[in-house]
Amino acid sequence: MRPLFGLPLILLGLGGCGVGTLVNVATAPVRLTSKAIDLATTSQSEADENRGRDLRRMEGRYGQLERDYSKAAKRCAAGSEQSCAQRQAIRAEMDALRPKLPAQSD
């Protein structure tokens, strides 16, 4: 019982800074654990933001591919064999990307 009786006297002797330090040391494991859990998990809103960002990136890439395909098709129609091969490669990338995009209403 004597050690507990002396604790308030020790805390009074430490002053405000000492008590604050003791509180910080005592709560550090809890703060570190909660921070680690927060970093390890993704909230639903963060997941939605990431998904939206990925979709916008894919849609932008698909739009660029459509423009490139149109240009290559025109050059292919003009007789460029290299453009015909390029057009086929672009079409293959578009076909691979299309299922990942949400359905578009026209």
PDB file of N, CA and C in Angstrom:
ATOM      1  N   MET A   1       0.818  -1.187   0.000  1.00  0.00           N
ATOM      2  CA  MET A   1       0.000   0.000   0.000  1.00  0.00           C
ATOM      3  C   MET A   1       0.858   1.245   0.000  1.00  0.00           C
ATOM      4  N   ARG A   2       2.042   1.166   0.514  1.00  0.00           N
ATOM      5  CA  ARG A   2       2.916   2.335   0.584  1.00  0.00           C
ATOM      6  C   ARG A   2       3.290   2.870  -0.801  1.00  0.00           C
ATOM      7  N   PRO A   3       3.565   2.007  -1.817  1.00  0.00           N
ATOM      8  CA  PRO A   3       3.930   2.565  -3.121  1.00  0.00           C
ATOM      9  C   PRO A   3       2.806   3.405  -3.724  1.00  0.00           C
ATOM     10  N   LEU A   4       1.554   3.017  -3.534  1.00  0.00           N
ATOM     11  CA  LEU A   4       0.449   3.790  -4.063  1.00  0.00           C
ATOM     12  C   LEU A   4       0.283   5.111  -3.327  1.00  0.00           C
ATOM     13  N   PHE A   5       0.600   5.129  -2.044  1.00  0.00           N
ATOM     14  CA  PHE A   5       0.486   6.355  -1.268  1.00  0.00           C
ATOM     15  C   PHE A   5       1.504   7.388  -1.745  1.00  0.00           C
ATOM     16  N   GLY A   6       2.656   6.952  -2.156  1.00  0.00           N
ATOM     17  CA  GLY A   6       3.706   7.861  -2.592  1.00  0.00           C
ATOM     18  C   GLY A   6       3.533   8.352  -4.024  1.00  0.00           C
ATOM     19  N   LEU A   7       2.701   7.698  -4.804  1.00  0.00           N
ATOM     20  CA  LEU A   7       2.505   8.071  -6.202  1.00  0.00           C
ATOM     21  C   LEU A   7       1.961   9.488  -6.372  1.00  0.00           C
ATOM     22  N   PRO A   8       0.924   9.889  -5.644  1.00  0.00           N
ATOM     23  CA  PRO A   8       0.457  11.273  -5.798  1.00  0.00           C
ATOM     24  C   PRO A   8       1.520  12.304  -5.428  1.00  0.00           C
ATOM     25  N   LEU A   9       2.322  12.005  -4.444  1.00  0.00           N
ATOM     26  CA  LEU A   9       3.380  12.934  -4.060  1.00  0.00           C
ATOM     27  C   LEU A   9       4.421  13.053  -5.163  1.00  0.00           C
ATOM     28  N   ILE A  10       4.738  11.931  -5.800  1.00  0.00           N
ATOM     29  CA  ILE A  10       5.702  11.951  -6.902  1.00  0.00           C
ATOM     30  C   ILE A  10       5.130  12.745  -8.073  1.00  0.00           C
ATOM     31  N   LEU A  11       3.846  12.527  -8.383  1.00  0.00           N
ATOM     32  CA  LEU A  11       3.217  13.243  -9.491  1.00  0.00           C
ATOM     33  C   LEU A  11       3.172  14.747  -9.231  1.00  0.00           C
ATOM     34  N   LEU A  12       2.942  15.129  -7.979  1.00  0.00           N
ATOM     35  CA  LEU A  12       2.944  16.559  -7.650  1.00  0.00           C
ATOM     36  C   LEU A  12       4.339  17.150  -7.822  1.00  0.00           C
ATOM     37  N   GLY A  13       5.334  16.363  -7.502  1.00  0.00           N
ATOM     38  CA  GLY A  13       6.706  16.839  -7.619  1.00  0.00           C
ATOM     39  C   GLY A  13       7.168  16.969  -9.069  1.00  0.00           C
ATOM     40  N   LEU A  14       6.567  16.232  -9.967  1.00  0.00           N
ATOM     41  CA  LEU A  14       6.989  16.279 -11.355  1.00  0.00           C
ATOM     42  C   LEU A  14       6.548  17.555 -12.070  1.00  0.00           C
ATOM     43  N   GLY A  15       5.449  18.103 -11.679  1.00  0.00           N
ATOM     44  CA  GLY A  15       4.944  19.286 -12.371  1.00  0.00           C
ATOM     45  C   GLY A  15       4.177  18.885 -13.609  1.00  0.00           C
ATOM     46  N   GLY A  16       3.728  19.873 -14.374  1.00  0.00           N
ATOM     47  CA  GLY A  16       2.896  19.634 -15.547  1.00  0.00           C
ATOM     48  C   GLY A  16       3.602  18.880 -16.650  1.00  0.00           C
ATOM     49  N   CYS A  17       4.833  19.197 -16.918  1.00  0.00           N
ATOM     50  CA  CYS A  17       5.554  18.544 -18.020  1.00  0.00           C
ATOM     51  C   CYS A  17       5.808  17.074 -17.724  1.00  0.00           C
ATOM     52  N   GLY A  18       6.161  16.771 -16.514  1.00  0.00           N
ATOM     53  CA  GLY A  18       6.451  15.390 -16.143  1.00  0.00           C
ATOM     54  C   GLY A  18       5.220  14.516 -16.226  1.00  0.00           C
ATOM     55  N   VAL A  19       4.096  15.040 -15.788  1.00  0.00           N
ATOM     56  CA  VAL A  19       2.851  14.276 -15.844  1.00  0.00           C
ATOM     57  C   VAL A  19       2.448  14.065 -17.297  1.00  0.00           C
ATOM     58  N   GLY A  20       2.594  15.104 -18.098  1.00  0.00           N
ATOM     59  CA  GLY A  20       2.268  14.978 -19.519  1.00  0.00           C
ATOM     60  C   GLY A  20       3.128  13.923 -20.195  1.00  0.00           C
ATOM     61  N   THR A  21       4.389  13.872 -19.828  1.00  0.00           N
ATOM     62  CA  THR A  21       5.292  12.873 -20.396  1.00  0.00           C
ATOM     63  C   THR A  21       4.867  11.475 -19.981  1.00  0.00           C
ATOM     64  N   LEU A  22       4.500  11.318 -18.719  1.00  0.00           N
ATOM     65  CA  LEU A  22       4.046  10.005 -18.256  1.00  0.00           C
ATOM     66  C   LEU A  22       2.776   9.572 -18.985  1.00  0.00           C
ATOM     67  N   VAL A  23       1.870  10.500 -19.201  1.00  0.00           N
ATOM     68  CA  VAL A  23       0.630  10.185 -19.916  1.00  0.00           C
ATOM     69  C   VAL A  23       0.955   9.811 -21.360  1.00  0.00           C
ATOM     70  N   ASN A  24       1.857  10.555 -21.993  1.00  0.00           N
ATOM     71  CA  ASN A  24       2.238  10.247 -23.373  1.00  0.00           C
ATOM     72  C   ASN A  24       2.876   8.870 -23.481  1.00  0.00           C
ATOM     73  N   VAL A  25       3.734   8.546 -22.547  1.00  0.00           N
ATOM     74  CA  VAL A  25       4.392   7.237 -22.556  1.00  0.00           C
ATOM     75  C   VAL A  25       3.363   6.134 -22.331  1.00  0.00           C
ATOM     76  N   ALA A  26       2.411   6.379 -21.449  1.00  0.00           N
ATOM     77  CA  ALA A  26       1.404   5.360 -21.141  1.00  0.00           C
ATOM     78  C   ALA A  26       0.445   5.145 -22.314  1.00  0.00           C
ATOM     79  N   THR A  27       0.130   6.190 -23.056  1.00  0.00           N
ATOM     80  CA  THR A  27      -0.838   6.053 -24.149  1.00  0.00           C
ATOM     81  C   THR A  27      -0.182   5.775 -25.500  1.00  0.00           C
ATOM     82  N   ALA A  28       1.131   5.782 -25.568  1.00  0.00           N
ATOM     83  CA  ALA A  28       1.829   5.573 -26.836  1.00  0.00           C
ATOM     84  C   ALA A  28       1.481   4.239 -27.503  1.00  0.00           C
ATOM     85  N   PRO A  29       1.440   3.121 -26.785  1.00  0.00           N
ATOM     86  CA  PRO A  29       1.096   1.858 -27.457  1.00  0.00           C
ATOM     87  C   PRO A  29      -0.295   1.880 -28.088  1.00  0.00           C
ATOM     88  N   VAL A  30      -1.237   2.520 -27.423  1.00  0.00           N
ATOM     89  CA  VAL A  30      -2.595   2.602 -27.955  1.00  0.00           C
ATOM     90  C   VAL A  30      -2.602   3.451 -29.222  1.00  0.00           C
ATOM     91  N   ARG A  31      -1.920   4.587 -29.202  1.00  0.00           N
ATOM     92  CA  ARG A  31      -1.879   5.470 -30.370  1.00  0.00           C
ATOM     93  C   ARG A  31      -1.168   4.797 -31.541  1.00  0.00           C
ATOM     94  N   LEU A  32      -0.087   4.110 -31.272  1.00  0.00           N
ATOM     95  CA  LEU A  32       0.645   3.431 -32.341  1.00  0.00           C
ATOM     96  C   LEU A  32      -0.173   2.301 -32.955  1.00  0.00           C
ATOM     97  N   THR A  33      -0.874   1.560 -32.114  1.00  0.00           N
ATOM     98  CA  THR A  33      -1.711   0.473 -32.615  1.00  0.00           C
ATOM     99  C   THR A  33      -2.840   1.009 -33.476  1.00  0.00           C
ATOM    100  N   SER A  34      -3.499   2.068 -33.036  1.00  0.00           N
ATOM    101  CA  SER A  34      -4.603   2.615 -33.821  1.00  0.00           C
ATOM    102  C   SER A  34      -4.099   3.201 -35.133  1.00  0.00           C
ATOM    103  N   LYS A  35      -2.922   3.803 -35.117  1.00  0.00           N
ATOM    104  CA  LYS A  35      -2.342   4.351 -36.345  1.00  0.00           C
ATOM    105  C   LYS A  35      -2.009   3.222 -37.323  1.00  0.00           C
ATOM    106  N   ALA A  36      -1.463   2.130 -36.818  1.00  0.00           N
ATOM    107  CA  ALA A  36      -1.124   0.986 -37.676  1.00  0.00           C
ATOM    108  C   ALA A  36      -2.381   0.381 -38.289  1.00  0.00           C
ATOM    109  N   ILE A  37      -3.440   0.270 -37.517  1.00  0.00           N
ATOM    110  CA  ILE A  37      -4.696  -0.274 -38.032  1.00  0.00           C
ATOM    111  C   ILE A  37      -5.270   0.652 -39.099  1.00  0.00           C
ATOM    112  N   ASP A  38      -5.198   1.955 -38.854  1.00  0.00           N
ATOM    113  CA  ASP A  38      -5.711   2.932 -39.818  1.00  0.00           C
ATOM    114  C   ASP A  38      -4.942   2.857 -41.130  1.00  0.00           C
ATOM    115  N   LEU A  39      -3.626   2.685 -41.060  1.00  0.00           N
ATOM    116  CA  LEU A  39      -2.821   2.590 -42.272  1.00  0.00           C
ATOM    117  C   LEU A  39      -3.046   1.269 -43.010  1.00  0.00           C
ATOM    118  N   ALA A  40      -3.371   0.224 -42.277  1.00  0.00           N
ATOM    119  CA  ALA A  40      -3.526  -1.093 -42.883  1.00  0.00           C
ATOM    120  C   ALA A  40      -4.897  -1.285 -43.529  1.00  0.00           C
ATOM    121  N   THR A  41      -5.874  -0.479 -43.152  1.00  0.00           N
ATOM    122  CA  THR A  41      -7.217  -0.644 -43.695  1.00  0.00           C
ATOM    123  C   THR A  41      -7.569   0.527 -44.598  1.00  0.00           C
ATOM    124  N   THR A  42      -8.481   0.278 -45.506  1.00  0.00           N
ATOM    125  CA  THR A  42      -8.965   1.317 -46.411  1.00  0.00           C
ATOM    126  C   THR A  42     -10.447   1.502 -46.153  1.00  0.00           C
ATOM    127  N   SER A  43     -10.845   2.727 -45.914  1.00  0.00           N
ATOM    128  CA  SER A  43     -12.259   2.986 -45.681  1.00  0.00           C
ATOM    129  C   SER A  43     -13.020   2.856 -46.991  1.00  0.00           C
ATOM    130  N   GLN A  44     -14.341   2.766 -46.874  1.00  0.00           N
ATOM    131  CA  GLN A  44     -15.162   2.630 -48.069  1.00  0.00           C
ATOM    132  C   GLN A  44     -15.035   3.858 -48.960  1.00  0.00           C
ATOM    133  N   SER A  45     -14.969   5.039 -48.366  1.00  0.00           N
ATOM    134  CA  SER A  45     -14.847   6.248 -49.180  1.00  0.00           C
ATOM    135  C   SER A  45     -13.503   6.296 -49.904  1.00  0.00           C
ATOM    136  N   GLU A  46     -12.439   5.846 -49.247  1.00  0.00           N
ATOM    137  CA  GLU A  46     -11.133   5.785 -49.911  1.00  0.00           C
ATOM    138  C   GLU A  46     -11.152   4.779 -51.059  1.00  0.00           C
ATOM    139  N   ALA A  47     -11.802   3.648 -50.838  1.00  0.00           N
ATOM    140  CA  ALA A  47     -11.899   2.638 -51.897  1.00  0.00           C
ATOM    141  C   ALA A  47     -12.698   3.187 -53.083  1.00  0.00           C
ATOM    142  N   ASP A  48     -13.778   3.928 -52.797  1.00  0.00           N
ATOM    143  CA  ASP A  48     -14.574   4.525 -53.864  1.00  0.00           C
ATOM    144  C   ASP A  48     -13.774   5.563 -54.637  1.00  0.00           C
ATOM    145  N   GLU A  49     -13.011   6.382 -53.926  1.00  0.00           N
ATOM    146  CA  GLU A  49     -12.177   7.387 -54.594  1.00  0.00           C
ATOM    147  C   GLU A  49     -11.133   6.723 -55.486  1.00  0.00           C
ATOM    148  N   ASN A  50     -10.506   5.674 -54.982  1.00  0.00           N
ATOM    149  CA  ASN A  50      -9.492   4.958 -55.765  1.00  0.00           C
ATOM    150  C   ASN A  50     -10.117   4.317 -57.000  1.00  0.00           C
ATOM    151  N   ARG A  51     -11.290   3.731 -56.840  1.00  0.00           N
ATOM    152  CA  ARG A  51     -11.973   3.096 -57.977  1.00  0.00           C
ATOM    153  C   ARG A  51     -12.340   4.148 -59.024  1.00  0.00           C
ATOM    154  N   GLY A  52     -12.858   5.292 -58.577  1.00  0.00           N
ATOM    155  CA  GLY A  52     -13.204   6.361 -59.514  1.00  0.00           C
ATOM    156  C   GLY A  52     -11.981   6.881 -60.255  1.00  0.00           C
ATOM    157  N   ARG A  53     -10.880   7.018 -59.542  1.00  0.00           N
ATOM    158  CA  ARG A  53      -9.630   7.479 -60.158  1.00  0.00           C
ATOM    159  C   ARG A  53      -9.152   6.487 -61.213  1.00  0.00           C
ATOM    160  N   ASP A  54      -9.227   5.205 -60.886  1.00  0.00           N
ATOM    161  CA  ASP A  54      -8.815   4.173 -61.843  1.00  0.00           C
ATOM    162  C   ASP A  54      -9.720   4.164 -63.077  1.00  0.00           C
ATOM    163  N   LEU A  55     -11.029   4.327 -62.862  1.00  0.00           N
ATOM    164  CA  LEU A  55     -11.952   4.344 -63.996  1.00  0.00           C
ATOM    165  C   LEU A  55     -11.693   5.545 -64.904  1.00  0.00           C
ATOM    166  N   ARG A  56     -11.465   6.713 -64.320  1.00  0.00           N
ATOM    167  CA  ARG A  56     -11.171   7.897 -65.135  1.00  0.00           C
ATOM    168  C   ARG A  56      -9.883   7.703 -65.923  1.00  0.00           C
ATOM    169  N   ARG A  57      -8.904   7.084 -65.315  1.00  0.00           N
ATOM    170  CA  ARG A  57      -7.638   6.826 -66.002  1.00  0.00           C
ATOM    171  C   ARG A  57      -7.848   5.858 -67.189  1.00  0.00           C
ATOM    172  N   MET A  58      -8.618   4.797 -66.952  1.00  0.00           N
ATOM    173  CA  MET A  58      -8.884   3.834 -68.021  1.00  0.00           C
ATOM    174  C   MET A  58      -9.722   4.460 -69.138  1.00  0.00           C
ATOM    175  N   GLU A  59     -10.713   5.276 -68.767  1.00  0.00           N
ATOM    176  CA  GLU A  59     -11.530   5.931 -69.785  1.00  0.00           C
ATOM    177  C   GLU A  59     -10.697   6.900 -70.622  1.00  0.00           C
ATOM    178  N   GLY A  60      -9.778   7.596 -69.972  1.00  0.00           N
ATOM    179  CA  GLY A  60      -8.878   8.488 -70.707  1.00  0.00           C
ATOM    180  C   GLY A  60      -7.991   7.716 -71.670  1.00  0.00           C
ATOM    181  N   ARG A  61      -7.483   6.594 -71.212  1.00  0.00           N
ATOM    182  CA  ARG A  61      -6.648   5.756 -72.078  1.00  0.00           C
ATOM    183  C   ARG A  61      -7.461   5.220 -73.252  1.00  0.00           C
ATOM    184  N   TYR A  62      -8.698   4.811 -72.984  1.00  0.00           N
ATOM    185  CA  TYR A  62      -9.549   4.285 -74.045  1.00  0.00           C
ATOM    186  C   TYR A  62      -9.845   5.369 -75.080  1.00  0.00           C
ATOM    187  N   GLY A  63     -10.099   6.591 -74.617  1.00  0.00           N
ATOM    188  CA  GLY A  63     -10.335   7.695 -75.542  1.00  0.00           C
ATOM    189  C   GLY A  63      -9.125   7.967 -76.424  1.00  0.00           C
ATOM    190  N   GLN A  64      -7.937   7.900 -75.824  1.00  0.00           N
ATOM    191  CA  GLN A  64      -6.708   8.093 -76.600  1.00  0.00           C
ATOM    192  C   GLN A  64      -6.546   6.981 -77.637  1.00  0.00           C
ATOM    193  N   LEU A  65      -6.862   5.762 -77.235  1.00  0.00           N
ATOM    194  CA  LEU A  65      -6.768   4.644 -78.170  1.00  0.00           C
ATOM    195  C   LEU A  65      -7.756   4.808 -79.333  1.00  0.00           C
ATOM    196  N   GLU A  66      -8.960   5.295 -79.041  1.00  0.00           N
ATOM    197  CA  GLU A  66      -9.937   5.521 -80.107  1.00  0.00           C
ATOM    198  C   GLU A  66      -9.416   6.536 -81.127  1.00  0.00           C
ATOM    199  N   ARG A  67      -8.816   7.610 -80.642  1.00  0.00           N
ATOM    200  CA  ARG A  67      -8.261   8.626 -81.546  1.00  0.00           C
ATOM    201  C   ARG A  67      -7.115   8.047 -82.376  1.00  0.00           C
ATOM    202  N   ASP A  68      -6.237   7.301 -81.711  1.00  0.00           N
ATOM    203  CA  ASP A  68      -5.111   6.687 -82.428  1.00  0.00           C
ATOM    204  C   ASP A  68      -5.604   5.672 -83.456  1.00  0.00           C
ATOM    205  N   TYR A  69      -6.639   4.920 -83.111  1.00  0.00           N
ATOM    206  CA  TYR A  69      -7.203   3.925 -84.026  1.00  0.00           C
ATOM    207  C   TYR A  69      -7.759   4.621 -85.273  1.00  0.00           C
ATOM    208  N   SER A  70      -8.464   5.711 -85.056  1.00  0.00           N
ATOM    209  CA  SER A  70      -9.044   6.450 -86.186  1.00  0.00           C
ATOM    210  C   SER A  70      -7.955   6.953 -87.132  1.00  0.00           C
ATOM    211  N   LYS A  71      -6.897   7.502 -86.572  1.00  0.00           N
ATOM    212  CA  LYS A  71      -5.781   8.002 -87.396  1.00  0.00           C
ATOM    213  C   LYS A  71      -5.111   6.854 -88.156  1.00  0.00           C
ATOM    214  N   ALA A  72      -4.878   5.737 -87.453  1.00  0.00           N
ATOM    215  CA  ALA A  72      -4.226   4.592 -88.092  1.00  0.00           C
ATOM    216  C   ALA A  72      -5.120   4.005 -89.181  1.00  0.00           C
ATOM    217  N   ALA A  73      -6.435   3.999 -88.963  1.00  0.00           N
ATOM    218  CA  ALA A  73      -7.361   3.463 -89.965  1.00  0.00           C
ATOM    219  C   ALA A  73      -7.328   4.309 -91.239  1.00  0.00           C
ATOM    220  N   LYS A  74      -7.254   5.629 -91.075  1.00  0.00           N
ATOM    221  CA  LYS A  74      -7.184   6.514 -92.247  1.00  0.00           C
ATOM    222  C   LYS A  74      -5.894   6.276 -93.034  1.00  0.00           C
ATOM    223  N   ARG A  75      -4.783   6.133 -92.297  1.00  0.00           N
ATOM    224  CA  ARG A  75      -3.501   5.890 -92.970  1.00  0.00           C
ATOM    225  C   ARG A  75      -3.481   4.507 -93.617  1.00  0.00           C
ATOM    226  N   CYS A  76      -4.145   3.541 -92.967  1.00  0.00           N
ATOM    227  CA  CYS A  76      -4.212   2.183 -93.524  1.00  0.00           C
ATOM    228  C   CYS A  76      -5.025   2.208 -94.825  1.00  0.00           C
ATOM    229  N   ALA A  77      -6.124   2.962 -94.815  1.00  0.00           N
ATOM    230  CA  ALA A  77      -6.954   3.063 -96.015  1.00  0.00           C
ATOM    231  C   ALA A  77      -6.191   3.728 -97.163  1.00  0.00           C
ATOM    232  N   ALA A  78      -5.222   4.565 -96.793  1.00  0.00           N
ATOM    233  CA  ALA A  78      -4.413   5.231 -97.811  1.00  0.00           C
ATOM    234  C   ALA A  78      -3.301   4.316 -98.331  1.00  0.00           C
ATOM    235  N   GLY A  79      -3.139   3.131 -97.730  1.00  0.00           N
ATOM    236  CA  GLY A  79      -2.180   2.167 -98.261  1.00  0.00           C
ATOM    237  C   GLY A  79      -0.958   1.911 -97.396  1.00  0.00           C
ATOM    238  N   SER A  80      -0.921   2.402 -96.172  1.00  0.00           N
ATOM    239  CA  SER A  80       0.235   2.203 -95.299  1.00  0.00           C
ATOM    240  C   SER A  80       0.126   0.861 -94.568  1.00  0.00           C
ATOM    241  N   GLU A  81       1.003  -0.068 -94.910  1.00  0.00           N
ATOM    242  CA  GLU A  81       1.005  -1.388 -94.261  1.00  0.00           C
ATOM    243  C   GLU A  81       1.336  -1.282 -92.774  1.00  0.00           C
ATOM    244  N   GLN A  82       2.263  -0.401 -92.441  1.00  0.00           N
ATOM    245  CA  GLN A  82       2.654  -0.219 -91.045  1.00  0.00           C
ATOM    246  C   GLN A  82       1.461   0.291 -90.231  1.00  0.00           C
ATOM    247  N   SER A  83       0.679   1.181 -90.793  1.00  0.00           N
ATOM    248  CA  SER A  83      -0.500   1.702 -90.093  1.00  0.00           C
ATOM    249  C   SER A  83      -1.556   0.624 -89.908  1.00  0.00           C
ATOM    250  N   CYS A  84      -1.660  -0.283 -90.851  1.00  0.00           N
ATOM    251  CA  CYS A  84      -2.611  -1.399 -90.710  1.00  0.00           C
ATOM    252  C   CYS A  84      -2.229  -2.291 -89.530  1.00  0.00           C
ATOM    253  N   ALA A  85      -0.951  -2.566 -89.395  1.00  0.00           N
ATOM    254  CA  ALA A  85      -0.476  -3.364 -88.256  1.00  0.00           C
ATOM    255  C   ALA A  85      -0.675  -2.607 -86.950  1.00  0.00           C
ATOM    256  N   GLN A  86      -0.411  -1.321 -86.979  1.00  0.00           N
ATOM    257  CA  GLN A  86      -0.592  -0.486 -85.784  1.00  0.00           C
ATOM    258  C   GLN A  86      -2.073  -0.458 -85.395  1.00  0.00           C
ATOM    259  N   ARG A  87      -2.946  -0.355 -86.383  1.00  0.00           N
ATOM    260  CA  ARG A  87      -4.381  -0.332 -86.126  1.00  0.00           C
ATOM    261  C   ARG A  87      -4.827  -1.612 -85.434  1.00  0.00           C
ATOM    262  N   GLN A  88      -4.302  -2.755 -85.876  1.00  0.00           N
ATOM    263  CA  GLN A  88      -4.658  -4.028 -85.261  1.00  0.00           C
ATOM    264  C   GLN A  88      -4.175  -4.108 -83.815  1.00  0.00           C
ATOM    265  N   ALA A  89      -2.993  -3.585 -83.559  1.00  0.00           N
ATOM    266  CA  ALA A  89      -2.459  -3.591 -82.184  1.00  0.00           C
ATOM    267  C   ALA A  89      -3.303  -2.688 -81.278  1.00  0.00           C
ATOM    268  N   ILE A  90      -3.705  -1.559 -81.812  1.00  0.00           N
ATOM    269  CA  ILE A  90      -4.546  -0.643 -81.031  1.00  0.00           C
ATOM    270  C   ILE A  90      -5.891  -1.292 -80.736  1.00  0.00           C
ATOM    271  N   ARG A  91      -6.470  -1.949 -81.736  1.00  0.00           N
ATOM    272  CA  ARG A  91      -7.758  -2.628 -81.557  1.00  0.00           C
ATOM    273  C   ARG A  91      -7.642  -3.704 -80.485  1.00  0.00           C
ATOM    274  N   ALA A  92      -6.548  -4.438 -80.460  1.00  0.00           N
ATOM    275  CA  ALA A  92      -6.354  -5.486 -79.448  1.00  0.00           C
ATOM    276  C   ALA A  92      -6.297  -4.882 -78.051  1.00  0.00           C
ATOM    277  N   GLU A  93      -5.628  -3.745 -77.898  1.00  0.00           N
ATOM    278  CA  GLU A  93      -5.565  -3.102 -76.585  1.00  0.00           C
ATOM    279  C   GLU A  93      -6.936  -2.571 -76.179  1.00  0.00           C
ATOM    280  N   MET A  94      -7.678  -2.028 -77.131  1.00  0.00           N
ATOM    281  CA  MET A  94      -9.033  -1.541 -76.844  1.00  0.00           C
ATOM    282  C   MET A  94      -9.935  -2.696 -76.404  1.00  0.00           C
ATOM    283  N   ASP A  95      -9.828  -3.831 -77.088  1.00  0.00           N
ATOM    284  CA  ASP A  95     -10.632  -4.998 -76.740  1.00  0.00           C
ATOM    285  C   ASP A  95     -10.304  -5.523 -75.340  1.00  0.00           C
ATOM    286  N   ALA A  96      -9.040  -5.428 -74.959  1.00  0.00           N
ATOM    287  CA  ALA A  96      -8.630  -5.874 -73.624  1.00  0.00           C
ATOM    288  C   ALA A  96      -9.113  -4.907 -72.543  1.00  0.00           C
ATOM    289  N   LEU A  97      -9.201  -3.641 -72.861  1.00  0.00           N
ATOM    290  CA  LEU A  97      -9.574  -2.618 -71.886  1.00  0.00           C
ATOM    291  C   LEU A  97     -11.088  -2.489 -71.733  1.00  0.00           C
ATOM    292  N   ARG A  98     -11.842  -2.763 -72.783  1.00  0.00           N
ATOM    293  CA  ARG A  98     -13.292  -2.546 -72.792  1.00  0.00           C
ATOM    294  C   ARG A  98     -14.028  -3.262 -71.659  1.00  0.00           C
ATOM    295  N   PRO A  99     -13.760  -4.540 -71.338  1.00  0.00           N
ATOM    296  CA  PRO A  99     -14.522  -5.197 -70.266  1.00  0.00           C
ATOM    297  C   PRO A  99     -14.311  -4.564 -68.888  1.00  0.00           C
ATOM    298  N   LYS A 100     -13.250  -3.841 -68.688  1.00  0.00           N
ATOM    299  CA  LYS A 100     -12.964  -3.232 -67.382  1.00  0.00           C
ATOM    300  C   LYS A 100     -13.716  -1.922 -67.181  1.00  0.00           C
ATOM    301  N   LEU A 101     -14.258  -1.366 -68.277  1.00  0.00           N
ATOM    302  CA  LEU A 101     -14.966  -0.094 -68.210  1.00  0.00           C
ATOM    303  C   LEU A 101     -16.442  -0.326 -67.914  1.00  0.00           C
ATOM    304  N   PRO A 102     -17.082   0.619 -67.215  1.00  0.00           N
ATOM    305  CA  PRO A 102     -18.519   0.470 -66.976  1.00  0.00           C
ATOM    306  C   PRO A 102     -19.287   0.645 -68.283  1.00  0.00           C
ATOM    307  N   ALA A 103     -20.478   0.074 -68.338  1.00  0.00           N
ATOM    308  CA  ALA A 103     -21.313   0.160 -69.536  1.00  0.00           C
ATOM    309  C   ALA A 103     -21.692   1.617 -69.780  1.00  0.00           C
ATOM    310  N   GLN A 104     -21.608   2.033 -71.019  1.00  0.00           N
ATOM    311  CA  GLN A 104     -21.940   3.397 -71.395  1.00  0.00           C
ATOM    312  C   GLN A 104     -23.330   3.420 -72.028  1.00  0.00           C
ATOM    313  N   SER A 105     -24.137   4.398 -71.624  1.00  0.00           N
ATOM    314  CA  SER A 105     -25.429   4.573 -72.275  1.00  0.00           C
ATOM    315  C   SER A 105     -25.288   5.610 -73.363  1.00  0.00           C
ATOM    316  N   ASP A 106     -25.740   5.279 -74.550  1.00  0.00           N
ATOM    317  CA  ASP A 106     -25.589   6.177 -75.703  1.00  0.00           C
ATOM    318  C   ASP A 106     -26.806   7.019 -75.921  1.00  0.00           C
TER     319      ASP A 106
END
